[in-house]
Amino acid sequence: SIMGEKFSYTRVHRNSTELLHKDSDKGFMLDEYRKLYDGVEIIACGDNQNDVEMLKNADISFAPKNAADCAKQAAKYTLDVTNDEHFLKEVIKRL
């Protein structure tokens, strides 16, 4: 099918799937934003395989302690809170 030829599917949580064009990922899109906003520091947060390239390409990146191992390895910082425990509040405190 054309969907399988042009798009990839990634299960991101128990009840959700991400659909992306095969030639794209969150890291690619982050780089496109970087072109639009030259000189701006880019911060990313992620917790799963679909976030890995984005976390690698960001200037500063964070993962929660309950993130997938691949996301924790890609992020520059892994915090001591889960994404169910005010993760973004902790990110903002550190910024």
Protein backbone atom coordinates (compact mmCIF):
# COMPACT_ATOMS: atom_id res chain seq x y z
CA SER A 1 0.00 0.00 0.00
CA ILE A 2 1.03 3.60 -0.50
CA MET A 3 0.83 4.17 3.27
CA GLY A 4 3.47 1.52 3.91
CA GLU A 5 5.69 2.85 1.13
CA LYS A 6 5.67 6.47 2.28
CA PHE A 7 5.12 6.36 6.00
CA SER A 8 6.51 4.64 9.07
CA TYR A 9 4.62 3.82 12.22
CA THR A 10 6.14 3.88 15.69
CA ARG A 11 4.31 2.78 18.79
CA VAL A 12 5.00 5.51 21.33
CA HIS A 13 2.78 4.48 24.20
CA ARG A 14 0.36 1.72 25.03
CA ASN A 15 -2.52 3.49 23.28
CA SER A 16 -0.84 5.65 20.66
CA THR A 17 1.14 5.34 17.45
CA GLU A 18 3.10 8.01 15.64
CA LEU A 19 2.86 8.26 11.87
CA LEU A 20 5.76 9.96 10.06
CA HIS A 21 6.90 10.25 6.48
CA LYS A 22 9.73 7.75 5.93
CA ASP A 23 12.14 10.55 4.99
CA SER A 24 11.49 12.45 8.22
CA ASP A 25 11.76 12.19 11.98
CA LYS A 26 11.69 14.57 14.93
CA GLY A 27 15.43 15.19 14.59
CA PHE A 28 14.98 16.24 10.96
CA MET A 29 12.18 18.60 11.94
CA LEU A 30 14.28 20.07 14.74
CA ASP A 31 17.00 20.83 12.20
CA GLU A 32 14.41 22.53 9.97
CA TYR A 33 13.38 24.76 12.90
CA ARG A 34 17.04 25.52 13.50
CA LYS A 35 17.27 26.89 9.94
CA LEU A 36 14.23 29.11 10.55
CA TYR A 37 15.45 30.40 13.92
CA ASP A 38 19.19 30.72 13.42
CA GLY A 39 21.08 31.35 16.63
CA VAL A 40 18.28 30.22 18.94
CA GLU A 41 19.14 27.53 21.49
CA ILE A 42 16.84 24.54 21.03
CA ILE A 43 15.63 22.53 24.02
CA ALA A 44 13.93 19.16 23.66
CA CYS A 45 12.24 16.69 26.00
CA GLY A 46 11.46 13.10 25.12
CA ASP A 47 10.89 9.68 26.56
CA ASN A 48 10.74 7.12 23.78
CA GLN A 49 12.42 5.74 20.65
CA ASN A 50 10.59 8.22 18.45
CA ASP A 51 12.34 11.08 20.29
CA VAL A 52 15.95 9.85 19.99
CA GLU A 53 17.06 11.92 16.98
CA MET A 54 15.38 15.03 18.35
CA LEU A 55 17.14 14.58 21.71
CA LYS A 56 20.49 14.11 19.97
CA ASN A 57 20.05 17.16 17.73
CA ALA A 58 18.89 19.59 20.43
CA ASP A 59 21.30 21.95 22.15
CA ILE A 60 19.91 20.87 25.53
CA SER A 61 17.79 17.75 25.97
CA PHE A 62 16.06 16.04 28.86
CA ALA A 63 14.54 12.62 29.50
CA PRO A 64 12.53 11.50 32.54
CA LYS A 65 13.74 8.60 34.67
CA ASN A 66 11.04 6.31 33.26
CA ALA A 67 12.07 6.97 29.65
CA ALA A 68 13.11 4.17 27.33
CA ASP A 69 16.82 3.45 27.64
CA CYS A 70 17.48 4.72 24.10
CA ALA A 71 15.94 8.10 24.98
CA LYS A 72 17.94 8.36 28.22
CA GLN A 73 21.14 7.63 26.29
CA ALA A 74 20.32 10.24 23.64
CA ALA A 75 19.37 13.00 26.09
CA LYS A 76 22.03 15.22 27.58
CA TYR A 77 20.27 15.04 30.97
CA THR A 78 18.10 12.40 32.61
CA LEU A 79 16.08 13.78 35.50
CA ASP A 80 15.15 12.01 38.71
CA VAL A 81 11.39 12.34 38.10
CA THR A 82 9.08 10.43 35.79
CA ASN A 83 6.93 11.97 33.11
CA ASP A 84 4.04 11.39 35.54
CA GLU A 85 5.71 13.44 38.29
CA HIS A 86 5.88 17.00 36.98
CA PHE A 87 8.74 16.27 34.59
CA LEU A 88 8.31 19.51 32.63
CA LYS A 89 8.18 21.54 35.84
CA GLU A 90 11.60 20.08 36.74
CA VAL A 91 12.95 20.87 33.27
CA ILE A 92 11.84 24.49 33.59
CA LYS A 93 13.47 24.77 37.04
CA ARG A 94 16.78 23.65 35.58
CA LEU A 95 16.64 26.10 32.72
